[in-house]
Every structure is written in structure tokens, then in C-alpha cells.
N, C-alpha and C. Protein backbone atom coordinates (compact mmCIF):
# COMPACT_ATOMS: atom_id res chain seq x y z
N MET A 1 0.83 -1.20 0.00
CA MET A 1 0.00 0.00 0.00
C MET A 1 0.86 1.25 0.00
N LYS A 2 1.95 1.26 0.82
CA LYS A 2 2.82 2.43 0.89
C LYS A 2 3.52 2.66 -0.45
N LYS A 3 3.91 1.59 -1.13
CA LYS A 3 4.56 1.74 -2.43
C LYS A 3 3.62 2.38 -3.44
N THR A 4 2.36 1.97 -3.40
CA THR A 4 1.38 2.54 -4.31
C THR A 4 1.18 4.02 -4.04
N MET A 5 1.11 4.40 -2.79
CA MET A 5 0.92 5.80 -2.41
C MET A 5 2.12 6.64 -2.85
N LEU A 6 3.30 6.07 -2.81
CA LEU A 6 4.49 6.80 -3.23
C LEU A 6 4.53 6.99 -4.75
N LEU A 7 3.98 6.03 -5.48
CA LEU A 7 3.99 6.10 -6.93
C LEU A 7 2.86 6.96 -7.49
N LEU A 8 1.82 7.20 -6.72
CA LEU A 8 0.69 7.97 -7.18
C LEU A 8 1.07 9.38 -7.63
N PRO A 9 1.85 10.15 -6.85
CA PRO A 9 2.25 11.49 -7.34
C PRO A 9 3.06 11.43 -8.63
N LEU A 10 3.87 10.40 -8.78
CA LEU A 10 4.64 10.25 -10.02
C LEU A 10 3.73 9.99 -11.21
N ALA A 11 2.68 9.23 -11.00
CA ALA A 11 1.73 8.96 -12.08
C ALA A 11 1.08 10.26 -12.54
N PHE A 12 0.67 11.11 -11.59
CA PHE A 12 0.08 12.40 -11.97
C PHE A 12 1.10 13.28 -12.66
N LEU A 13 2.34 13.23 -12.22
CA LEU A 13 3.39 14.03 -12.82
C LEU A 13 3.61 13.63 -14.27
N PHE A 14 3.66 12.34 -14.53
CA PHE A 14 3.95 11.86 -15.88
C PHE A 14 2.74 11.86 -16.81
N PHE A 15 1.57 11.56 -16.27
CA PHE A 15 0.39 11.41 -17.12
C PHE A 15 -0.60 12.56 -17.00
N GLY A 16 -0.50 13.34 -15.96
CA GLY A 16 -1.37 14.49 -15.78
C GLY A 16 -2.80 14.08 -15.54
N CYS A 17 -3.65 15.09 -15.53
CA CYS A 17 -5.06 14.83 -15.38
C CYS A 17 -5.80 15.85 -16.22
N ASP A 18 -6.77 15.41 -17.00
CA ASP A 18 -7.48 16.28 -17.94
C ASP A 18 -8.65 16.94 -17.24
N ALA A 19 -8.46 18.20 -16.83
CA ALA A 19 -9.51 18.93 -16.13
C ALA A 19 -10.16 19.96 -17.04
N GLN A 20 -9.88 19.89 -18.35
CA GLN A 20 -10.43 20.87 -19.27
C GLN A 20 -11.82 20.46 -19.73
N THR A 21 -12.62 21.44 -20.14
CA THR A 21 -13.97 21.16 -20.61
C THR A 21 -13.90 20.53 -22.00
N SER A 22 -14.98 19.97 -22.43
CA SER A 22 -14.99 19.30 -23.72
C SER A 22 -15.03 20.28 -24.89
N THR A 23 -15.39 21.56 -24.66
CA THR A 23 -15.48 22.50 -25.76
C THR A 23 -14.11 22.99 -26.20
N THR A 24 -13.15 23.06 -25.31
CA THR A 24 -11.80 23.49 -25.66
C THR A 24 -10.82 22.61 -24.92
N LYS A 25 -10.08 21.80 -25.67
CA LYS A 25 -9.07 20.97 -25.03
C LYS A 25 -7.76 21.12 -25.77
N THR A 26 -6.68 21.06 -25.06
CA THR A 26 -5.37 21.19 -25.67
C THR A 26 -5.01 19.89 -26.37
N ILE A 27 -4.45 20.01 -27.57
CA ILE A 27 -3.98 18.83 -28.27
C ILE A 27 -2.47 18.87 -28.33
N ALA A 28 -1.86 17.72 -28.21
CA ALA A 28 -0.42 17.64 -28.03
C ALA A 28 0.37 17.93 -29.31
N THR A 29 -0.15 17.55 -30.43
CA THR A 29 0.59 17.73 -31.68
C THR A 29 -0.31 18.36 -32.71
N SER A 30 0.19 18.49 -33.93
CA SER A 30 -0.60 19.10 -34.99
C SER A 30 -1.56 18.10 -35.64
N ARG A 31 -1.72 16.94 -35.06
CA ARG A 31 -2.60 15.93 -35.65
C ARG A 31 -4.04 16.24 -35.29
N VAL A 32 -4.85 16.55 -36.28
CA VAL A 32 -6.23 16.95 -36.07
C VAL A 32 -7.08 15.79 -35.57
N GLU A 33 -6.64 14.55 -35.79
CA GLU A 33 -7.43 13.39 -35.37
C GLU A 33 -7.73 13.45 -33.87
N GLN A 34 -6.99 14.25 -33.12
CA GLN A 34 -7.21 14.35 -31.68
C GLN A 34 -8.43 15.19 -31.35
N CYS A 35 -8.93 15.96 -32.29
CA CYS A 35 -10.16 16.72 -32.07
C CYS A 35 -11.34 15.81 -32.36
N SER A 36 -12.41 16.04 -31.63
CA SER A 36 -13.62 15.23 -31.80
C SER A 36 -14.40 15.69 -33.02
N GLU A 37 -15.37 14.89 -33.41
CA GLU A 37 -16.28 15.24 -34.50
C GLU A 37 -16.97 16.56 -34.16
N GLY A 38 -17.04 17.46 -35.12
CA GLY A 38 -17.68 18.75 -34.88
C GLY A 38 -16.76 19.79 -34.26
N GLU A 39 -15.48 19.46 -34.17
CA GLU A 39 -14.48 20.39 -33.63
C GLU A 39 -13.43 20.66 -34.69
N TYR A 40 -12.67 21.73 -34.50
CA TYR A 40 -11.55 22.02 -35.38
C TYR A 40 -10.33 22.36 -34.53
N ALA A 41 -9.15 22.08 -35.08
CA ALA A 41 -7.89 22.39 -34.40
C ALA A 41 -7.60 23.87 -34.59
N TYR A 42 -7.20 24.53 -33.52
CA TYR A 42 -6.94 25.97 -33.53
C TYR A 42 -5.61 26.20 -32.84
N SER A 43 -4.70 26.84 -33.54
CA SER A 43 -3.34 27.00 -33.05
C SER A 43 -2.93 28.47 -33.09
N LEU A 44 -2.52 28.99 -31.94
CA LEU A 44 -2.06 30.37 -31.84
C LEU A 44 -0.74 30.41 -31.09
N PRO A 45 0.07 31.44 -31.35
CA PRO A 45 1.31 31.58 -30.58
C PRO A 45 1.00 31.69 -29.09
N VAL A 46 1.84 31.08 -28.27
CA VAL A 46 1.67 31.14 -26.82
C VAL A 46 1.69 32.60 -26.35
N ASP A 47 2.66 33.36 -26.84
CA ASP A 47 2.75 34.79 -26.51
C ASP A 47 2.49 35.57 -27.79
N ILE A 48 1.22 35.85 -28.05
CA ILE A 48 0.84 36.45 -29.33
C ILE A 48 1.39 37.86 -29.50
N GLU A 49 1.49 38.64 -28.42
CA GLU A 49 2.04 39.99 -28.53
C GLU A 49 3.52 39.96 -28.91
N LYS A 50 4.27 39.07 -28.29
CA LYS A 50 5.69 38.93 -28.61
C LYS A 50 5.85 38.47 -30.06
N TYR A 51 5.02 37.52 -30.47
CA TYR A 51 5.07 37.00 -31.83
C TYR A 51 4.77 38.09 -32.86
N THR A 52 3.68 38.84 -32.68
CA THR A 52 3.31 39.86 -33.66
C THR A 52 4.38 40.96 -33.73
N HIS A 53 4.96 41.30 -32.59
CA HIS A 53 6.02 42.31 -32.60
C HIS A 53 7.26 41.79 -33.35
N ALA A 54 7.65 40.56 -33.06
CA ALA A 54 8.83 39.97 -33.72
C ALA A 54 8.60 39.83 -35.22
N MET A 55 7.40 39.42 -35.63
CA MET A 55 7.11 39.28 -37.06
C MET A 55 7.08 40.64 -37.75
N ALA A 56 6.58 41.66 -37.07
CA ALA A 56 6.58 43.02 -37.65
C ALA A 56 8.01 43.48 -37.88
N LEU A 57 8.87 43.28 -36.90
CA LEU A 57 10.28 43.66 -37.06
C LEU A 57 10.93 42.87 -38.20
N PHE A 58 10.66 41.58 -38.24
CA PHE A 58 11.23 40.73 -39.29
C PHE A 58 10.78 41.19 -40.67
N SER A 59 9.51 41.54 -40.82
CA SER A 59 9.00 41.95 -42.13
C SER A 59 9.60 43.28 -42.58
N GLN A 60 10.00 44.11 -41.63
CA GLN A 60 10.54 45.42 -41.97
C GLN A 60 12.06 45.45 -42.01
N GLU A 61 12.71 44.63 -41.19
CA GLU A 61 14.16 44.70 -41.07
C GLU A 61 14.89 43.45 -41.59
N GLY A 62 14.16 42.34 -41.73
CA GLY A 62 14.80 41.11 -42.17
C GLY A 62 15.42 40.37 -41.00
N GLY A 63 16.33 39.47 -41.31
CA GLY A 63 16.96 38.66 -40.26
C GLY A 63 16.38 37.27 -40.24
N VAL A 64 16.42 36.63 -39.07
CA VAL A 64 15.92 35.27 -38.90
C VAL A 64 14.41 35.33 -38.66
N ASN A 65 13.68 34.52 -39.40
CA ASN A 65 12.23 34.48 -39.29
C ASN A 65 11.84 33.93 -37.91
N PRO A 66 11.17 34.73 -37.07
CA PRO A 66 10.80 34.27 -35.73
C PRO A 66 9.70 33.21 -35.71
N TYR A 67 8.99 33.02 -36.80
CA TYR A 67 7.93 32.01 -36.85
C TYR A 67 8.48 30.62 -36.54
N SER A 68 9.68 30.33 -37.06
CA SER A 68 10.24 28.99 -36.89
C SER A 68 10.57 28.64 -35.44
N THR A 69 10.73 29.64 -34.59
CA THR A 69 11.05 29.37 -33.18
C THR A 69 9.88 29.71 -32.25
N THR A 70 8.75 30.08 -32.82
CA THR A 70 7.58 30.44 -32.01
C THR A 70 6.92 29.18 -31.46
N GLN A 71 6.58 29.22 -30.18
CA GLN A 71 5.83 28.12 -29.57
C GLN A 71 4.34 28.39 -29.75
N PHE A 72 3.62 27.34 -30.13
CA PHE A 72 2.18 27.44 -30.36
C PHE A 72 1.41 26.59 -29.37
N LYS A 73 0.24 27.06 -29.01
CA LYS A 73 -0.68 26.27 -28.19
C LYS A 73 -1.83 25.88 -29.11
N GLN A 74 -2.10 24.59 -29.17
CA GLN A 74 -3.16 24.09 -30.03
C GLN A 74 -4.32 23.60 -29.18
N THR A 75 -5.50 23.99 -29.57
CA THR A 75 -6.71 23.58 -28.86
C THR A 75 -7.74 23.11 -29.87
N CYS A 76 -8.75 22.44 -29.36
CA CYS A 76 -9.89 22.04 -30.18
C CYS A 76 -11.06 22.93 -29.80
N HIS A 77 -11.73 23.48 -30.80
CA HIS A 77 -12.89 24.34 -30.59
C HIS A 77 -14.10 23.76 -31.31
N SER A 78 -15.25 23.97 -30.75
CA SER A 78 -16.49 23.55 -31.40
C SER A 78 -16.68 24.34 -32.69
N LEU A 79 -17.05 23.66 -33.73
CA LEU A 79 -17.28 24.31 -35.03
C LEU A 79 -18.76 24.63 -35.15
N PRO A 80 -19.11 25.92 -35.23
CA PRO A 80 -20.53 26.27 -35.40
C PRO A 80 -21.00 25.91 -36.81
N GLN A 81 -22.29 25.99 -37.02
CA GLN A 81 -22.84 25.75 -38.36
C GLN A 81 -22.42 26.92 -39.25
N VAL A 82 -21.51 26.65 -40.18
CA VAL A 82 -21.01 27.68 -41.09
C VAL A 82 -21.06 27.14 -42.51
N GLU A 83 -21.08 28.06 -43.45
CA GLU A 83 -21.13 27.67 -44.87
C GLU A 83 -19.81 27.02 -45.30
N ASP A 84 -18.69 27.59 -44.87
CA ASP A 84 -17.38 27.08 -45.26
C ASP A 84 -16.47 27.01 -44.04
N LYS A 85 -16.16 25.80 -43.63
CA LYS A 85 -15.35 25.56 -42.43
C LYS A 85 -13.99 26.27 -42.51
N LEU A 86 -13.30 26.15 -43.63
CA LEU A 86 -11.96 26.73 -43.74
C LEU A 86 -12.00 28.26 -43.78
N ALA A 87 -13.02 28.84 -44.40
CA ALA A 87 -13.15 30.30 -44.39
C ALA A 87 -13.39 30.78 -42.96
N TYR A 88 -14.18 30.05 -42.21
CA TYR A 88 -14.43 30.39 -40.80
C TYR A 88 -13.13 30.32 -40.00
N ILE A 89 -12.35 29.27 -40.20
CA ILE A 89 -11.09 29.10 -39.48
C ILE A 89 -10.11 30.21 -39.86
N ALA A 90 -10.08 30.57 -41.14
CA ALA A 90 -9.21 31.66 -41.59
C ALA A 90 -9.60 32.96 -40.90
N GLU A 91 -10.89 33.23 -40.82
CA GLU A 91 -11.36 34.47 -40.20
C GLU A 91 -11.06 34.50 -38.70
N GLN A 92 -11.26 33.38 -38.02
CA GLN A 92 -10.95 33.31 -36.59
C GLN A 92 -9.46 33.55 -36.35
N SER A 93 -8.62 32.96 -37.18
CA SER A 93 -7.17 33.12 -37.05
C SER A 93 -6.75 34.56 -37.33
N ALA A 94 -7.34 35.16 -38.35
CA ALA A 94 -7.01 36.55 -38.70
C ALA A 94 -7.43 37.50 -37.60
N GLN A 95 -8.62 37.32 -37.07
CA GLN A 95 -9.11 38.21 -36.02
C GLN A 95 -8.30 38.09 -34.74
N ALA A 96 -7.73 36.93 -34.50
CA ALA A 96 -6.91 36.74 -33.30
C ALA A 96 -5.54 37.39 -33.43
N THR A 97 -5.06 37.56 -34.65
CA THR A 97 -3.69 38.07 -34.83
C THR A 97 -3.61 39.50 -35.32
N LEU A 98 -4.66 40.00 -35.96
CA LEU A 98 -4.63 41.38 -36.45
C LEU A 98 -5.06 42.35 -35.36
N PRO A 99 -4.58 43.59 -35.40
CA PRO A 99 -4.88 44.54 -34.32
C PRO A 99 -6.33 45.00 -34.27
N TYR A 100 -7.07 44.88 -35.37
CA TYR A 100 -8.47 45.28 -35.41
C TYR A 100 -9.29 44.08 -35.86
N PRO A 101 -10.23 43.61 -35.05
CA PRO A 101 -11.01 42.42 -35.43
C PRO A 101 -11.69 42.53 -36.79
N GLU A 102 -12.21 43.72 -37.13
CA GLU A 102 -12.88 43.87 -38.42
C GLU A 102 -11.91 43.68 -39.59
N ALA A 103 -10.62 43.92 -39.35
CA ALA A 103 -9.61 43.73 -40.39
C ALA A 103 -9.46 42.26 -40.76
N GLY A 104 -9.87 41.36 -39.88
CA GLY A 104 -9.76 39.93 -40.13
C GLY A 104 -10.94 39.33 -40.86
N LYS A 105 -11.88 40.14 -41.27
CA LYS A 105 -13.05 39.62 -41.98
C LYS A 105 -12.62 39.08 -43.35
N VAL A 106 -13.05 37.88 -43.66
CA VAL A 106 -12.75 37.26 -44.94
C VAL A 106 -13.71 37.82 -45.98
N LEU A 107 -13.16 38.50 -47.00
CA LEU A 107 -13.97 39.06 -48.08
C LEU A 107 -14.09 38.11 -49.26
N TYR A 108 -13.08 37.27 -49.43
CA TYR A 108 -13.02 36.38 -50.59
C TYR A 108 -12.33 35.10 -50.13
N PHE A 109 -12.89 33.95 -50.51
CA PHE A 109 -12.31 32.66 -50.14
C PHE A 109 -12.65 31.67 -51.24
N LYS A 110 -11.63 31.04 -51.78
CA LYS A 110 -11.85 30.08 -52.87
C LYS A 110 -10.81 28.97 -52.79
N GLN A 111 -11.26 27.74 -53.00
CA GLN A 111 -10.36 26.59 -53.06
C GLN A 111 -10.23 26.13 -54.51
N VAL A 112 -8.98 25.98 -54.95
CA VAL A 112 -8.69 25.47 -56.28
C VAL A 112 -7.63 24.39 -56.11
N ASP A 113 -8.02 23.15 -56.36
CA ASP A 113 -7.13 22.00 -56.17
C ASP A 113 -6.60 21.99 -54.74
N ASP A 114 -5.28 22.07 -54.55
CA ASP A 114 -4.70 22.03 -53.20
C ASP A 114 -4.30 23.42 -52.71
N THR A 115 -4.94 24.45 -53.27
CA THR A 115 -4.61 25.83 -52.92
C THR A 115 -5.87 26.56 -52.46
N VAL A 116 -5.71 27.36 -51.41
CA VAL A 116 -6.78 28.22 -50.92
C VAL A 116 -6.37 29.66 -51.21
N TYR A 117 -7.31 30.44 -51.71
CA TYR A 117 -7.10 31.87 -51.95
C TYR A 117 -7.96 32.64 -50.95
N VAL A 118 -7.32 33.56 -50.23
CA VAL A 118 -7.99 34.32 -49.18
C VAL A 118 -7.70 35.80 -49.38
N VAL A 119 -8.73 36.63 -49.26
CA VAL A 119 -8.55 38.08 -49.22
C VAL A 119 -9.27 38.57 -47.97
N LEU A 120 -8.55 39.32 -47.15
CA LEU A 120 -9.09 39.86 -45.92
C LEU A 120 -9.43 41.33 -46.06
N GLU A 121 -10.26 41.82 -45.19
CA GLU A 121 -10.60 43.24 -45.13
C GLU A 121 -9.33 44.08 -45.01
N ALA A 122 -8.37 43.63 -44.24
CA ALA A 122 -7.11 44.38 -44.06
C ALA A 122 -6.38 44.61 -45.38
N GLN A 123 -6.49 43.67 -46.30
CA GLN A 123 -5.82 43.81 -47.59
C GLN A 123 -6.53 44.81 -48.50
N GLU A 124 -7.82 44.95 -48.33
CA GLU A 124 -8.61 45.84 -49.18
C GLU A 124 -8.71 47.25 -48.61
N ASP A 125 -8.73 47.37 -47.30
CA ASP A 125 -8.92 48.65 -46.65
C ASP A 125 -7.87 48.77 -45.55
N GLY A 126 -6.62 48.93 -45.95
CA GLY A 126 -5.49 48.90 -45.02
C GLY A 126 -5.30 50.18 -44.22
N TRP A 127 -4.26 50.19 -43.47
CA TRP A 127 -3.86 51.31 -42.64
C TRP A 127 -2.34 51.34 -42.61
N ALA A 128 -1.76 52.39 -42.06
CA ALA A 128 -0.31 52.44 -41.94
C ALA A 128 0.14 51.28 -41.06
N GLY A 129 1.01 50.44 -41.58
CA GLY A 129 1.48 49.28 -40.82
C GLY A 129 0.76 47.99 -41.15
N VAL A 130 -0.15 48.01 -42.12
CA VAL A 130 -0.91 46.80 -42.44
C VAL A 130 0.01 45.69 -42.94
N SER A 131 1.06 46.03 -43.66
CA SER A 131 1.94 44.97 -44.17
C SER A 131 2.64 44.23 -43.02
N ALA A 132 3.02 44.96 -41.98
CA ALA A 132 3.64 44.31 -40.81
C ALA A 132 2.62 43.44 -40.08
N ALA A 133 1.39 43.91 -39.98
CA ALA A 133 0.34 43.13 -39.32
C ALA A 133 0.03 41.86 -40.12
N MET A 134 -0.01 41.98 -41.44
CA MET A 134 -0.27 40.81 -42.28
C MET A 134 0.88 39.82 -42.23
N ALA A 135 2.10 40.31 -42.05
CA ALA A 135 3.26 39.41 -41.93
C ALA A 135 3.10 38.49 -40.73
N ALA A 136 2.44 38.96 -39.69
CA ALA A 136 2.20 38.13 -38.51
C ALA A 136 0.97 37.24 -38.70
N ALA A 137 -0.05 37.76 -39.35
CA ALA A 137 -1.31 37.02 -39.49
C ALA A 137 -1.24 35.88 -40.50
N GLU A 138 -0.58 36.11 -41.63
CA GLU A 138 -0.59 35.12 -42.71
C GLU A 138 -0.06 33.74 -42.30
N PRO A 139 1.07 33.64 -41.58
CA PRO A 139 1.53 32.30 -41.19
C PRO A 139 0.58 31.58 -40.24
N VAL A 140 -0.09 32.32 -39.36
CA VAL A 140 -1.04 31.72 -38.42
C VAL A 140 -2.29 31.23 -39.16
N ILE A 141 -2.77 32.03 -40.09
CA ILE A 141 -3.92 31.63 -40.90
C ILE A 141 -3.58 30.37 -41.70
N THR A 142 -2.42 30.39 -42.34
CA THR A 142 -1.96 29.23 -43.12
C THR A 142 -1.86 27.99 -42.24
N ARG A 143 -1.27 28.14 -41.07
CA ARG A 143 -1.10 27.02 -40.13
C ARG A 143 -2.45 26.40 -39.79
N ASN A 144 -3.44 27.23 -39.47
CA ASN A 144 -4.74 26.71 -39.06
C ASN A 144 -5.52 26.09 -40.21
N ILE A 145 -5.39 26.65 -41.39
CA ILE A 145 -6.05 26.03 -42.56
C ILE A 145 -5.42 24.66 -42.82
N GLN A 146 -4.10 24.59 -42.77
CA GLN A 146 -3.43 23.32 -43.06
C GLN A 146 -3.64 22.28 -41.96
N LEU A 147 -3.83 22.71 -40.72
CA LEU A 147 -4.14 21.76 -39.65
C LEU A 147 -5.48 21.08 -39.87
N ASN A 148 -6.37 21.74 -40.57
CA ASN A 148 -7.74 21.26 -40.71
C ASN A 148 -8.13 20.84 -42.12
N SER A 149 -7.15 20.66 -42.97
CA SER A 149 -7.45 20.28 -44.35
C SER A 149 -6.24 19.64 -45.01
N SER A 150 -6.40 19.27 -46.25
CA SER A 150 -5.28 18.74 -47.04
C SER A 150 -4.69 19.82 -47.95
N MET A 151 -5.08 21.07 -47.74
CA MET A 151 -4.57 22.16 -48.57
C MET A 151 -3.07 22.32 -48.35
N LYS A 152 -2.34 22.43 -49.44
CA LYS A 152 -0.88 22.57 -49.36
C LYS A 152 -0.44 24.03 -49.44
N HIS A 153 -1.25 24.88 -50.08
CA HIS A 153 -0.86 26.28 -50.30
C HIS A 153 -2.00 27.21 -49.87
N VAL A 154 -1.61 28.33 -49.28
CA VAL A 154 -2.57 29.38 -48.94
C VAL A 154 -2.03 30.67 -49.54
N MET A 155 -2.80 31.25 -50.44
CA MET A 155 -2.41 32.49 -51.11
C MET A 155 -3.31 33.61 -50.62
N PHE A 156 -2.73 34.75 -50.33
CA PHE A 156 -3.51 35.89 -49.86
C PHE A 156 -3.75 36.84 -51.02
N SER A 157 -4.58 36.35 -51.95
CA SER A 157 -4.91 37.09 -53.16
C SER A 157 -6.14 36.43 -53.78
N TYR A 158 -6.64 37.07 -54.84
CA TYR A 158 -7.72 36.47 -55.61
C TYR A 158 -7.14 35.33 -56.45
N ALA A 159 -7.96 34.34 -56.73
CA ALA A 159 -7.53 33.23 -57.58
C ALA A 159 -7.32 33.74 -59.00
N PRO A 160 -6.42 33.09 -59.75
CA PRO A 160 -6.21 33.49 -61.14
C PRO A 160 -7.53 33.49 -61.89
N GLY A 161 -7.78 34.55 -62.63
CA GLY A 161 -9.02 34.69 -63.39
C GLY A 161 -10.11 35.43 -62.63
N ASP A 162 -9.99 35.47 -61.32
CA ASP A 162 -10.94 36.27 -60.54
C ASP A 162 -10.33 37.65 -60.34
N GLU A 163 -11.15 38.61 -60.16
CA GLU A 163 -10.64 39.95 -59.94
C GLU A 163 -11.28 40.56 -58.70
N LYS A 164 -10.72 41.63 -58.26
CA LYS A 164 -11.26 42.32 -57.09
C LYS A 164 -12.72 42.64 -57.32
N GLN A 165 -13.54 42.26 -56.34
CA GLN A 165 -14.97 42.52 -56.45
C GLN A 165 -15.26 43.89 -55.84
N SER A 166 -16.02 44.71 -56.55
CA SER A 166 -16.32 46.06 -56.08
C SER A 166 -17.51 46.07 -55.16
């Protein structure tokens, strides 16, 4: 009995205990299979302010891309009834990383083969510094689309043959 009691804290240390709700749970890797039916994988930088600042500097000054060393926290979120799952995920990712939530609104979304084309409000109605903000948002949007689909490429433009809609 004493041996078991001594090993119990070690078991909690190594295996932990899942005290999170079913609507949002942390997933250990980028494998979406860990999310339940009706959920999507959502990944954001652990320190989003540090990440957006580092990406802004990188986009303006160059150097080593901070995205490759950024730590991400991945969670599963309930997917509401939406027309296009990936467009919804792109918009959620954009709104989490851009300084103005309305800037993350998806204006255009199209899938062609293994490529997704996305145009955000920020790209159409920018502000001073929008390019630095997009430098931080685009990799996060791409990451979340690719976590939840077989899409290999994410382009932040209209698809070939489509033009800006007035």
C-alpha cells in the first residue's frame, strides 16, 4: 500500500489529469485526429504579442524568421454551423492576430485543387502598418487552414481569373 501511495504522485506528474472542458481541449501535436467530430484544431502563438512584434520587425528589417522558433498552443474548438469551415477558421485566425477584429473579416475565399485563396478586409482597406500586421497574421492563418485540411498552399490574393470585387 505504501509503495502505491508513493507512486501515485509520479503517475500524476507523468500522465497528468485532464480537467479541461470538452469544448476546448489542448492537443499535443498538430494531428487533427485528436479533435472530436464537430471540432476544429486551432493554433495560436503562446505569446501572441511577442510573436506579432517579432514578425513586424522581421517583415521590416529582415533577419531570422521568428515564426520557426515560435511556440504554439493548439486547442480544439467547437465548429458552429457555417457555410465554409476553412473560411471560418481563416477568419478566426485573422481576427486573433490582427490589431483590429474587423480587419480579419474574410472578403473572398476560394479553393482550387490544393490551394486556398484568401482576401481579408485588411488587404482591401489597409492602414499604416498593415503589411507588418499581415506578416504576422498570414503564417497563423496558413497554419490553421493546413491543420484542418489537405490544402498545401494558402495564397492571400484572388484566384487566377478572378478579380477584385467592387
